[in-house]
ModelCIF file with pLDDT and N, C-alpha, C, O atoms, coordinates in Angstrom:
data_MODEL
#
_entry.id   MODEL 
#
_entity.id                         1 
_entity.type                       polymer 
_entity.pdbx_number_of_molecules   1 
#
_entity_poly.entity_id                      1 
_entity_poly.type                           'polypeptide(L)' 
_entity_poly.nstd_linkage                   no 
_entity_poly.nstd_monomer                   no 
_entity_poly.pdbx_seq_one_letter_code       TRQRLRIGTDAEGRLTALEHRAKVATSSFDEFYEPAADASHALYAS 
_entity_poly.pdbx_seq_one_letter_code_can   TRQRLRIGTDAEGRLTALEHRAKVATSSFDEFYEPAADASHALYAS 
_entity_poly.pdbx_strand_id                 A 
#
loop_
_entity_poly_seq.entity_id 
_entity_poly_seq.num 
_entity_poly_seq.mon_id 
_entity_poly_seq.hetero 
1 1  THR n 
1 2  ARG n 
1 3  GLN n 
1 4  ARG n 
1 5  LEU n 
1 6  ARG n 
1 7  ILE n 
1 8  GLY n 
1 9  THR n 
1 10 ASP n 
1 11 ALA n 
1 12 GLU n 
1 13 GLY n 
1 14 ARG n 
1 15 LEU n 
1 16 THR n 
1 17 ALA n 
1 18 LEU n 
1 19 GLU n 
1 20 HIS n 
1 21 ARG n 
1 22 ALA n 
1 23 LYS n 
1 24 VAL n 
1 25 ALA n 
1 26 THR n 
1 27 SER n 
1 28 SER n 
1 29 PHE n 
1 30 ASP n 
1 31 GLU n 
1 32 PHE n 
1 33 TYR n 
1 34 GLU n 
1 35 PRO n 
1 36 ALA n 
1 37 ALA n 
1 38 ASP n 
1 39 ALA n 
1 40 SER n 
1 41 HIS n 
1 42 ALA n 
1 43 LEU n 
1 44 TYR n 
1 45 ALA n 
1 46 SER n 
#
_struct_asym.id          A 
_struct_asym.entity_id   1 
#
loop_
_ma_qa_metric.id 
_ma_qa_metric.mode 
_ma_qa_metric.name 
_ma_qa_metric.software_group_id 
_ma_qa_metric.type 
1 global pLDDT . pLDDT 
2 local  pLDDT . pLDDT 
#
_ma_qa_metric_global.metric_id      1 
_ma_qa_metric_global.metric_value   97.70 
_ma_qa_metric_global.model_id       1 
_ma_qa_metric_global.ordinal_id     1 
#
loop_
_ma_qa_metric_local.label_asym_id 
_ma_qa_metric_local.label_comp_id 
_ma_qa_metric_local.label_seq_id 
_ma_qa_metric_local.metric_id 
_ma_qa_metric_local.metric_value 
_ma_qa_metric_local.model_id 
_ma_qa_metric_local.ordinal_id 
A THR 1  2 98.00 1 1  
A ARG 2  2 98.00 1 2  
A GLN 3  2 98.00 1 3  
A ARG 4  2 98.00 1 4  
A LEU 5  2 98.00 1 5  
A ARG 6  2 98.00 1 6  
A ILE 7  2 98.00 1 7  
A GLY 8  2 98.00 1 8  
A THR 9  2 98.00 1 9  
A ASP 10 2 98.00 1 10 
A ALA 11 2 97.00 1 11 
A GLU 12 2 97.00 1 12 
A GLY 13 2 98.00 1 13 
A ARG 14 2 98.00 1 14 
A LEU 15 2 98.00 1 15 
A THR 16 2 98.00 1 16 
A ALA 17 2 98.00 1 17 
A LEU 18 2 98.00 1 18 
A GLU 19 2 98.00 1 19 
A HIS 20 2 98.00 1 20 
A ARG 21 2 98.00 1 21 
A ALA 22 2 98.00 1 22 
A LYS 23 2 98.00 1 23 
A VAL 24 2 98.00 1 24 
A ALA 25 2 98.00 1 25 
A THR 26 2 98.00 1 26 
A SER 27 2 98.00 1 27 
A SER 28 2 98.00 1 28 
A PHE 29 2 98.00 1 29 
A ASP 30 2 98.00 1 30 
A GLU 31 2 97.00 1 31 
A PHE 32 2 98.00 1 32 
A TYR 33 2 98.00 1 33 
A GLU 34 2 98.00 1 34 
A PRO 35 2 98.00 1 35 
A ALA 36 2 98.00 1 36 
A ALA 37 2 98.00 1 37 
A ASP 38 2 98.00 1 38 
A ALA 39 2 98.00 1 39 
A SER 40 2 98.00 1 40 
A HIS 41 2 96.00 1 41 
A ALA 42 2 95.00 1 42 
A LEU 43 2 95.00 1 43 
A TYR 44 2 97.00 1 44 
A ALA 45 2 96.00 1 45 
A SER 46 2 98.00 1 46 
#
loop_
_atom_site.group_PDB 
_atom_site.id 
_atom_site.type_symbol 
_atom_site.label_atom_id 
_atom_site.label_alt_id 
_atom_site.label_comp_id 
_atom_site.label_asym_id 
_atom_site.label_entity_id 
_atom_site.label_seq_id 
_atom_site.pdbx_PDB_ins_code 
_atom_site.Cartn_x 
_atom_site.Cartn_y 
_atom_site.Cartn_z 
_atom_site.occupancy 
_atom_site.B_iso_or_equiv 
_atom_site.pdbx_formal_charge 
_atom_site.auth_seq_id 
_atom_site.auth_comp_id 
_atom_site.auth_asym_id 
_atom_site.auth_atom_id 
_atom_site.pdbx_PDB_model_num 
ATOM 1   N N  . THR A 1 1  ? -55.067 -22.680 0.239   1.00 98.00 ? 1  THR A N  1 
ATOM 2   C CA . THR A 1 1  ? -54.539 -21.311 0.172   1.00 98.00 ? 1  THR A CA 1 
ATOM 3   C C  . THR A 1 1  ? -55.522 -20.335 0.792   1.00 98.00 ? 1  THR A C  1 
ATOM 4   O O  . THR A 1 1  ? -56.730 -20.571 0.816   1.00 98.00 ? 1  THR A O  1 
ATOM 5   N N  . ARG A 1 2  ? -54.980 -19.238 1.291   1.00 98.00 ? 2  ARG A N  1 
ATOM 6   C CA . ARG A 1 2  ? -55.769 -18.068 1.673   1.00 98.00 ? 2  ARG A CA 1 
ATOM 7   C C  . ARG A 1 2  ? -55.119 -16.882 0.985   1.00 98.00 ? 2  ARG A C  1 
ATOM 8   O O  . ARG A 1 2  ? -53.963 -16.558 1.254   1.00 98.00 ? 2  ARG A O  1 
ATOM 9   N N  . GLN A 1 3  ? -55.863 -16.236 0.096   1.00 98.00 ? 3  GLN A N  1 
ATOM 10  C CA . GLN A 1 3  ? -55.292 -15.200 -0.755  1.00 98.00 ? 3  GLN A CA 1 
ATOM 11  C C  . GLN A 1 3  ? -56.010 -13.869 -0.533  1.00 98.00 ? 3  GLN A C  1 
ATOM 12  O O  . GLN A 1 3  ? -57.239 -13.801 -0.512  1.00 98.00 ? 3  GLN A O  1 
ATOM 13  N N  . ARG A 1 4  ? -55.222 -12.829 -0.369  1.00 98.00 ? 4  ARG A N  1 
ATOM 14  C CA . ARG A 1 4  ? -55.789 -11.483 -0.245  1.00 98.00 ? 4  ARG A CA 1 
ATOM 15  C C  . ARG A 1 4  ? -55.331 -10.649 -1.435  1.00 98.00 ? 4  ARG A C  1 
ATOM 16  O O  . ARG A 1 4  ? -54.141 -10.567 -1.740  1.00 98.00 ? 4  ARG A O  1 
ATOM 17  N N  . LEU A 1 5  ? -56.300 -10.036 -2.094  1.00 98.00 ? 5  LEU A N  1 
ATOM 18  C CA . LEU A 1 5  ? -56.000 -9.157  -3.222  1.00 98.00 ? 5  LEU A CA 1 
ATOM 19  C C  . LEU A 1 5  ? -56.516 -7.758  -2.940  1.00 98.00 ? 5  LEU A C  1 
ATOM 20  O O  . LEU A 1 5  ? -57.645 -7.572  -2.487  1.00 98.00 ? 5  LEU A O  1 
ATOM 21  N N  . ARG A 1 6  ? -55.669 -6.783  -3.215  1.00 98.00 ? 6  ARG A N  1 
ATOM 22  C CA . ARG A 1 6  ? -56.062 -5.374  -3.167  1.00 98.00 ? 6  ARG A CA 1 
ATOM 23  C C  . ARG A 1 6  ? -55.835 -4.787  -4.556  1.00 98.00 ? 6  ARG A C  1 
ATOM 24  O O  . ARG A 1 6  ? -54.753 -4.907  -5.130  1.00 98.00 ? 6  ARG A O  1 
ATOM 25  N N  . ILE A 1 7  ? -56.872 -4.155  -5.079  1.00 98.00 ? 7  ILE A N  1 
ATOM 26  C CA . ILE A 1 7  ? -56.822 -3.613  -6.437  1.00 98.00 ? 7  ILE A CA 1 
ATOM 27  C C  . ILE A 1 7  ? -57.316 -2.174  -6.404  1.00 98.00 ? 7  ILE A C  1 
ATOM 28  O O  . ILE A 1 7  ? -58.298 -1.856  -5.734  1.00 98.00 ? 7  ILE A O  1 
ATOM 29  N N  . GLY A 1 8  ? -56.622 -1.311  -7.137  1.00 98.00 ? 8  GLY A N  1 
ATOM 30  C CA . GLY A 1 8  ? -57.052 0.061   -7.315  1.00 98.00 ? 8  GLY A CA 1 
ATOM 31  C C  . GLY A 1 8  ? -57.271 0.374   -8.775  1.00 98.00 ? 8  GLY A C  1 
ATOM 32  O O  . GLY A 1 8  ? -56.535 -0.107  -9.637  1.00 98.00 ? 8  GLY A O  1 
ATOM 33  N N  . THR A 1 9  ? -58.297 1.193   -9.064  1.00 98.00 ? 9  THR A N  1 
ATOM 34  C CA . THR A 1 9  ? -58.545 1.644   -10.433 1.00 98.00 ? 9  THR A CA 1 
ATOM 35  C C  . THR A 1 9  ? -58.799 3.144   -10.430 1.00 98.00 ? 9  THR A C  1 
ATOM 36  O O  . THR A 1 9  ? -59.231 3.713   -9.427  1.00 98.00 ? 9  THR A O  1 
ATOM 37  N N  . ASP A 1 10 ? -58.525 3.774   -11.566 1.00 98.00 ? 10 ASP A N  1 
ATOM 38  C CA . ASP A 1 10 ? -58.794 5.204   -11.674 1.00 98.00 ? 10 ASP A CA 1 
ATOM 39  C C  . ASP A 1 10 ? -60.242 5.432   -12.114 1.00 98.00 ? 10 ASP A C  1 
ATOM 40  O O  . ASP A 1 10 ? -61.020 4.485   -12.225 1.00 98.00 ? 10 ASP A O  1 
ATOM 41  N N  . ALA A 1 11 ? -60.587 6.666   -12.357 1.00 97.00 ? 11 ALA A N  1 
ATOM 42  C CA . ALA A 1 11 ? -61.970 7.014   -12.686 1.00 97.00 ? 11 ALA A CA 1 
ATOM 43  C C  . ALA A 1 11 ? -62.425 6.404   -14.008 1.00 97.00 ? 11 ALA A C  1 
ATOM 44  O O  . ALA A 1 11 ? -63.625 6.221   -14.215 1.00 97.00 ? 11 ALA A O  1 
ATOM 45  N N  . GLU A 1 12 ? -61.499 6.089   -14.902 1.00 97.00 ? 12 GLU A N  1 
ATOM 46  C CA . GLU A 1 12 ? -61.840 5.478   -16.189 1.00 97.00 ? 12 GLU A CA 1 
ATOM 47  C C  . GLU A 1 12 ? -61.818 3.950   -16.132 1.00 97.00 ? 12 GLU A C  1 
ATOM 48  O O  . GLU A 1 12 ? -62.043 3.286   -17.144 1.00 97.00 ? 12 GLU A O  1 
ATOM 49  N N  . GLY A 1 13 ? -61.549 3.397   -14.958 1.00 98.00 ? 13 GLY A N  1 
ATOM 50  C CA . GLY A 1 13 ? -61.522 1.949   -14.818 1.00 98.00 ? 13 GLY A CA 1 
ATOM 51  C C  . GLY A 1 13 ? -60.201 1.305   -15.172 1.00 98.00 ? 13 GLY A C  1 
ATOM 52  O O  . GLY A 1 13 ? -60.140 0.095   -15.386 1.00 98.00 ? 13 GLY A O  1 
ATOM 53  N N  . ARG A 1 14 ? -59.131 2.105   -15.239 1.00 98.00 ? 14 ARG A N  1 
ATOM 54  C CA . ARG A 1 14 ? -57.804 1.548   -15.498 1.00 98.00 ? 14 ARG A CA 1 
ATOM 55  C C  . ARG A 1 14 ? -57.136 1.185   -14.173 1.00 98.00 ? 14 ARG A C  1 
ATOM 56  O O  . ARG A 1 14 ? -57.265 1.898   -13.178 1.00 98.00 ? 14 ARG A O  1 
ATOM 57  N N  . LEU A 1 15 ? -56.426 0.068   -14.184 1.00 98.00 ? 15 LEU A N  1 
ATOM 58  C CA . LEU A 1 15 ? -55.743 -0.382  -12.971 1.00 98.00 ? 15 LEU A CA 1 
ATOM 59  C C  . LEU A 1 15 ? -54.652 0.599   -12.567 1.00 98.00 ? 15 LEU A C  1 
ATOM 60  O O  . LEU A 1 15 ? -53.894 1.087   -13.406 1.00 98.00 ? 15 LEU A O  1 
ATOM 61  N N  . THR A 1 16 ? -54.583 0.879   -11.273 1.00 98.00 ? 16 THR A N  1 
ATOM 62  C CA . THR A 1 16 ? -53.486 1.685   -10.724 1.00 98.00 ? 16 THR A CA 1 
ATOM 63  C C  . THR A 1 16 ? -52.594 0.865   -9.807  1.00 98.00 ? 16 THR A C  1 
ATOM 64  O O  . THR A 1 16 ? -51.444 1.235   -9.571  1.00 98.00 ? 16 THR A O  1 
ATOM 65  N N  . ALA A 1 17 ? -53.116 -0.259  -9.280  1.00 98.00 ? 17 ALA A N  1 
ATOM 66  C CA . ALA A 1 17 ? -52.322 -1.087  -8.367  1.00 98.00 ? 17 ALA A CA 1 
ATOM 67  C C  . ALA A 1 17 ? -52.959 -2.465  -8.266  1.00 98.00 ? 17 ALA A C  1 
ATOM 68  O O  . ALA A 1 17 ? -54.179 -2.612  -8.349  1.00 98.00 ? 17 ALA A O  1 
ATOM 69  N N  . LEU A 1 18 ? -52.104 -3.478  -8.084  1.00 98.00 ? 18 LEU A N  1 
ATOM 70  C CA . LEU A 1 18 ? -52.558 -4.855  -7.900  1.00 98.00 ? 18 LEU A CA 1 
ATOM 71  C C  . LEU A 1 18 ? -51.629 -5.534  -6.902  1.00 98.00 ? 18 LEU A C  1 
ATOM 72  O O  . LEU A 1 18 ? -50.439 -5.707  -7.167  1.00 98.00 ? 18 LEU A O  1 
ATOM 73  N N  . GLU A 1 19 ? -52.175 -5.914  -5.761  1.00 98.00 ? 19 GLU A N  1 
ATOM 74  C CA . GLU A 1 19 ? -51.412 -6.647  -4.751  1.00 98.00 ? 19 GLU A CA 1 
ATOM 75  C C  . GLU A 1 19 ? -52.074 -8.003  -4.542  1.00 98.00 ? 19 GLU A C  1 
ATOM 76  O O  . GLU A 1 19 ? -53.287 -8.091  -4.351  1.00 98.00 ? 19 GLU A O  1 
ATOM 77  N N  . HIS A 1 20 ? -51.273 -9.050  -4.581  1.00 98.00 ? 20 HIS A N  1 
ATOM 78  C CA . HIS A 1 20 ? -51.781 -10.415 -4.459  1.00 98.00 ? 20 HIS A CA 1 
ATOM 79  C C  . HIS A 1 20 ? -50.886 -11.157 -3.474  1.00 98.00 ? 20 HIS A C  1 
ATOM 80  O O  . HIS A 1 20 ? -49.728 -11.445 -3.775  1.00 98.00 ? 20 HIS A O  1 
ATOM 81  N N  . ARG A 1 21 ? -51.430 -11.465 -2.292  1.00 98.00 ? 21 ARG A N  1 
ATOM 82  C CA . ARG A 1 21 ? -50.674 -12.165 -1.248  1.00 98.00 ? 21 ARG A CA 1 
ATOM 83  C C  . ARG A 1 21 ? -51.347 -13.503 -0.968  1.00 98.00 ? 21 ARG A C  1 
ATOM 84  O O  . ARG A 1 21 ? -52.572 -13.588 -0.879  1.00 98.00 ? 21 ARG A O  1 
ATOM 85  N N  . ALA A 1 22 ? -50.536 -14.543 -0.830  1.00 98.00 ? 22 ALA A N  1 
ATOM 86  C CA . ALA A 1 22 ? -51.074 -15.887 -0.627  1.00 98.00 ? 22 ALA A CA 1 
ATOM 87  C C  . ALA A 1 22 ? -50.395 -16.555 0.558   1.00 98.00 ? 22 ALA A C  1 
ATOM 88  O O  . ALA A 1 22 ? -49.170 -16.540 0.677   1.00 98.00 ? 22 ALA A O  1 
ATOM 89  N N  . LYS A 1 23 ? -51.198 -17.135 1.425   1.00 98.00 ? 23 LYS A N  1 
ATOM 90  C CA . LYS A 1 23 ? -50.699 -18.017 2.481   1.00 98.00 ? 23 LYS A CA 1 
ATOM 91  C C  . LYS A 1 23 ? -51.002 -19.448 2.044   1.00 98.00 ? 23 LYS A C  1 
ATOM 92  O O  . LYS A 1 23 ? -52.142 -19.772 1.713   1.00 98.00 ? 23 LYS A O  1 
ATOM 93  N N  . VAL A 1 24 ? -49.979 -20.301 2.045   1.00 98.00 ? 24 VAL A N  1 
ATOM 94  C CA . VAL A 1 24 ? -50.142 -21.662 1.546   1.00 98.00 ? 24 VAL A CA 1 
ATOM 95  C C  . VAL A 1 24 ? -49.535 -22.640 2.550   1.00 98.00 ? 24 VAL A C  1 
ATOM 96  O O  . VAL A 1 24 ? -48.677 -22.269 3.351   1.00 98.00 ? 24 VAL A O  1 
ATOM 97  N N  . ALA A 1 25 ? -49.983 -23.876 2.498   1.00 98.00 ? 25 ALA A N  1 
ATOM 98  C CA . ALA A 1 25 ? -49.486 -24.905 3.411   1.00 98.00 ? 25 ALA A CA 1 
ATOM 99  C C  . ALA A 1 25 ? -48.488 -25.804 2.703   1.00 98.00 ? 25 ALA A C  1 
ATOM 100 O O  . ALA A 1 25 ? -48.613 -26.072 1.508   1.00 98.00 ? 25 ALA A O  1 
ATOM 101 N N  . THR A 1 26 ? -47.492 -26.268 3.456   1.00 98.00 ? 26 THR A N  1 
ATOM 102 C CA . THR A 1 26 ? -46.606 -27.325 2.993   1.00 98.00 ? 26 THR A CA 1 
ATOM 103 C C  . THR A 1 26 ? -46.522 -28.360 4.107   1.00 98.00 ? 26 THR A C  1 
ATOM 104 O O  . THR A 1 26 ? -47.150 -28.196 5.153   1.00 98.00 ? 26 THR A O  1 
ATOM 105 N N  . SER A 1 27 ? -45.750 -29.427 3.894   1.00 98.00 ? 27 SER A N  1 
ATOM 106 C CA . SER A 1 27 ? -45.657 -30.467 4.917   1.00 98.00 ? 27 SER A CA 1 
ATOM 107 C C  . SER A 1 27 ? -44.661 -30.068 5.994   1.00 98.00 ? 27 SER A C  1 
ATOM 108 O O  . SER A 1 27 ? -43.949 -29.074 5.852   1.00 98.00 ? 27 SER A O  1 
ATOM 109 N N  . SER A 1 28 ? -44.611 -30.838 7.062   1.00 98.00 ? 28 SER A N  1 
ATOM 110 C CA . SER A 1 28 ? -43.706 -30.552 8.166   1.00 98.00 ? 28 SER A CA 1 
ATOM 111 C C  . SER A 1 28 ? -42.262 -30.903 7.834   1.00 98.00 ? 28 SER A C  1 
ATOM 112 O O  . SER A 1 28 ? -41.345 -30.477 8.536   1.00 98.00 ? 28 SER A O  1 
ATOM 113 N N  . PHE A 1 29 ? -42.047 -31.687 6.754   1.00 98.00 ? 29 PHE A N  1 
ATOM 114 C CA . PHE A 1 29 ? -40.725 -32.247 6.512   1.00 98.00 ? 29 PHE A CA 1 
ATOM 115 C C  . PHE A 1 29 ? -40.160 -31.937 5.130   1.00 98.00 ? 29 PHE A C  1 
ATOM 116 O O  . PHE A 1 29 ? -39.041 -32.346 4.818   1.00 98.00 ? 29 PHE A O  1 
ATOM 117 N N  . ASP A 1 30 ? -40.911 -31.226 4.301   1.00 98.00 ? 30 ASP A N  1 
ATOM 118 C CA . ASP A 1 30 ? -40.415 -30.924 2.955   1.00 98.00 ? 30 ASP A CA 1 
ATOM 119 C C  . ASP A 1 30 ? -41.040 -29.612 2.510   1.00 98.00 ? 30 ASP A C  1 
ATOM 120 O O  . ASP A 1 30 ? -41.866 -29.032 3.215   1.00 98.00 ? 30 ASP A O  1 
ATOM 121 N N  . GLU A 1 31 ? -40.637 -29.153 1.335   1.00 97.00 ? 31 GLU A N  1 
ATOM 122 C CA . GLU A 1 31 ? -41.086 -27.857 0.851   1.00 97.00 ? 31 GLU A CA 1 
ATOM 123 C C  . GLU A 1 31 ? -41.647 -27.960 -0.554  1.00 97.00 ? 31 GLU A C  1 
ATOM 124 O O  . GLU A 1 31 ? -40.935 -28.300 -1.498  1.00 97.00 ? 31 GLU A O  1 
ATOM 125 N N  . PHE A 1 32 ? -42.930 -27.663 -0.680  1.00 98.00 ? 32 PHE A N  1 
ATOM 126 C CA . PHE A 1 32 ? -43.503 -27.280 -1.963  1.00 98.00 ? 32 PHE A CA 1 
ATOM 127 C C  . PHE A 1 32 ? -44.586 -26.274 -1.656  1.00 98.00 ? 32 PHE A C  1 
ATOM 128 O O  . PHE A 1 32 ? -45.576 -26.588 -0.994  1.00 98.00 ? 32 PHE A O  1 
ATOM 129 N N  . TYR A 1 33 ? -44.391 -25.054 -2.143  1.00 98.00 ? 33 TYR A N  1 
ATOM 130 C CA . TYR A 1 33 ? -45.299 -23.963 -1.858  1.00 98.00 ? 33 TYR A CA 1 
ATOM 131 C C  . TYR A 1 33 ? -46.052 -23.601 -3.132  1.00 98.00 ? 33 TYR A C  1 
ATOM 132 O O  . TYR A 1 33 ? -45.452 -23.185 -4.123  1.00 98.00 ? 33 TYR A O  1 
ATOM 133 N N  . GLU A 1 34 ? -47.371 -23.764 -3.096  1.00 98.00 ? 34 GLU A N  1 
ATOM 134 C CA . GLU A 1 34 ? -48.224 -23.448 -4.246  1.00 98.00 ? 34 GLU A CA 1 
ATOM 135 C C  . GLU A 1 34 ? -48.013 -21.986 -4.644  1.00 98.00 ? 34 GLU A C  1 
ATOM 136 O O  . GLU A 1 34 ? -48.260 -21.095 -3.832  1.00 98.00 ? 34 GLU A O  1 
ATOM 137 N N  . PRO A 1 35 ? -47.559 -21.713 -5.886  1.00 98.00 ? 35 PRO A N  1 
ATOM 138 C CA . PRO A 1 35 ? -47.248 -20.333 -6.294  1.00 98.00 ? 35 PRO A CA 1 
ATOM 139 C C  . PRO A 1 35 ? -48.488 -19.558 -6.723  1.00 98.00 ? 35 PRO A C  1 
ATOM 140 O O  . PRO A 1 35 ? -48.544 -19.040 -7.838  1.00 98.00 ? 35 PRO A O  1 
ATOM 141 N N  . ALA A 1 36 ? -49.477 -19.477 -5.843  1.00 98.00 ? 36 ALA A N  1 
ATOM 142 C CA . ALA A 1 36 ? -50.785 -18.945 -6.213  1.00 98.00 ? 36 ALA A CA 1 
ATOM 143 C C  . ALA A 1 36 ? -50.726 -17.488 -6.646  1.00 98.00 ? 36 ALA A C  1 
ATOM 144 O O  . ALA A 1 36 ? -51.350 -17.109 -7.637  1.00 98.00 ? 36 ALA A O  1 
ATOM 145 N N  . ALA A 1 37 ? -49.979 -16.664 -5.908  1.00 98.00 ? 37 ALA A N  1 
ATOM 146 C CA . ALA A 1 37 ? -49.954 -15.228 -6.222  1.00 98.00 ? 37 ALA A CA 1 
ATOM 147 C C  . ALA A 1 37 ? -49.279 -14.929 -7.554  1.00 98.00 ? 37 ALA A C  1 
ATOM 148 O O  . ALA A 1 37 ? -49.483 -13.857 -8.125  1.00 98.00 ? 37 ALA A O  1 
ATOM 149 N N  . ASP A 1 38 ? -48.468 -15.876 -8.058  1.00 98.00 ? 38 ASP A N  1 
ATOM 150 C CA . ASP A 1 38 ? -47.802 -15.655 -9.343  1.00 98.00 ? 38 ASP A CA 1 
ATOM 151 C C  . ASP A 1 38 ? -48.789 -15.501 -10.496 1.00 98.00 ? 38 ASP A C  1 
ATOM 152 O O  . ASP A 1 38 ? -48.421 -15.018 -11.567 1.00 98.00 ? 38 ASP A O  1 
ATOM 153 N N  . ALA A 1 39 ? -50.045 -15.910 -10.285 1.00 98.00 ? 39 ALA A N  1 
ATOM 154 C CA . ALA A 1 39 ? -51.060 -15.751 -11.336 1.00 98.00 ? 39 ALA A CA 1 
ATOM 155 C C  . ALA A 1 39 ? -51.270 -14.295 -11.717 1.00 98.00 ? 39 ALA A C  1 
ATOM 156 O O  . ALA A 1 39 ? -51.791 -14.003 -12.793 1.00 98.00 ? 39 ALA A O  1 
ATOM 157 N N  . SER A 1 40 ? -50.867 -13.379 -10.841 1.00 98.00 ? 40 SER A N  1 
ATOM 158 C CA . SER A 1 40 ? -51.066 -11.947 -11.121 1.00 98.00 ? 40 SER A CA 1 
ATOM 159 C C  . SER A 1 40 ? -49.888 -11.297 -11.835 1.00 98.00 ? 40 SER A C  1 
ATOM 160 O O  . SER A 1 40 ? -49.890 -10.081 -12.026 1.00 98.00 ? 40 SER A O  1 
ATOM 161 N N  . HIS A 1 41 ? -48.890 -12.067 -12.232 1.00 96.00 ? 41 HIS A N  1 
ATOM 162 C CA . HIS A 1 41 ? -47.700 -11.478 -12.841 1.00 96.00 ? 41 HIS A CA 1 
ATOM 163 C C  . HIS A 1 41 ? -47.926 -10.956 -14.254 1.00 96.00 ? 41 HIS A C  1 
ATOM 164 O O  . HIS A 1 41 ? -47.395 -9.908  -14.622 1.00 96.00 ? 41 HIS A O  1 
ATOM 165 N N  . ALA A 1 42 ? -48.709 -11.677 -15.044 1.00 95.00 ? 42 ALA A N  1 
ATOM 166 C CA . ALA A 1 42 ? -48.621 -11.462 -16.482 1.00 95.00 ? 42 ALA A CA 1 
ATOM 167 C C  . ALA A 1 42 ? -49.888 -10.985 -17.152 1.00 95.00 ? 42 ALA A C  1 
ATOM 168 O O  . ALA A 1 42 ? -49.830 -10.541 -18.298 1.00 95.00 ? 42 ALA A O  1 
ATOM 169 N N  . LEU A 1 43 ? -51.030 -11.056 -16.493 1.00 95.00 ? 43 LEU A N  1 
ATOM 170 C CA . LEU A 1 43 ? -52.281 -10.951 -17.230 1.00 95.00 ? 43 LEU A CA 1 
ATOM 171 C C  . LEU A 1 43 ? -52.811 -9.533  -17.372 1.00 95.00 ? 43 LEU A C  1 
ATOM 172 O O  . LEU A 1 43 ? -53.245 -9.144  -18.456 1.00 95.00 ? 43 LEU A O  1 
ATOM 173 N N  . TYR A 1 44 ? -52.783 -8.757  -16.298 1.00 97.00 ? 44 TYR A N  1 
ATOM 174 C CA . TYR A 1 44 ? -53.414 -7.439  -16.317 1.00 97.00 ? 44 TYR A CA 1 
ATOM 175 C C  . TYR A 1 44 ? -52.382 -6.335  -16.159 1.00 97.00 ? 44 TYR A C  1 
ATOM 176 O O  . TYR A 1 44 ? -51.432 -6.453  -15.385 1.00 97.00 ? 44 TYR A O  1 
ATOM 177 N N  . ALA A 1 45 ? -52.591 -5.251  -16.915 1.00 96.00 ? 45 ALA A N  1 
ATOM 178 C CA . ALA A 1 45 ? -51.583 -4.195  -17.078 1.00 96.00 ? 45 ALA A CA 1 
ATOM 179 C C  . ALA A 1 45 ? -51.699 -3.164  -15.963 1.00 96.00 ? 45 ALA A C  1 
ATOM 180 O O  . ALA A 1 45 ? -52.258 -2.084  -16.155 1.00 96.00 ? 45 ALA A O  1 
ATOM 181 N N  . SER A 1 46 ? -51.171 -3.506  -14.814 1.00 98.00 ? 46 SER A N  1 
ATOM 182 C CA . SER A 1 46 ? -51.123 -2.548  -13.712 1.00 98.00 ? 46 SER A CA 1 
ATOM 183 C C  . SER A 1 46 ? -49.727 -1.939  -13.632 1.00 98.00 ? 46 SER A C  1 
ATOM 184 O O  . SER A 1 46 ? -49.467 -1.102  -12.768 1.00 98.00 ? 46 SER A O  1 
#
């Protein structure tokens, strides 16, 4: 995977934005895409 994250916080250190983009490899003949960016769905309150 190659993952890019952009995060913003306010002056008190609270999250204002969270972007998580992932480029992942699969095979030439089938599809399974590692859901890496989904790790940012549930944990931090942005």
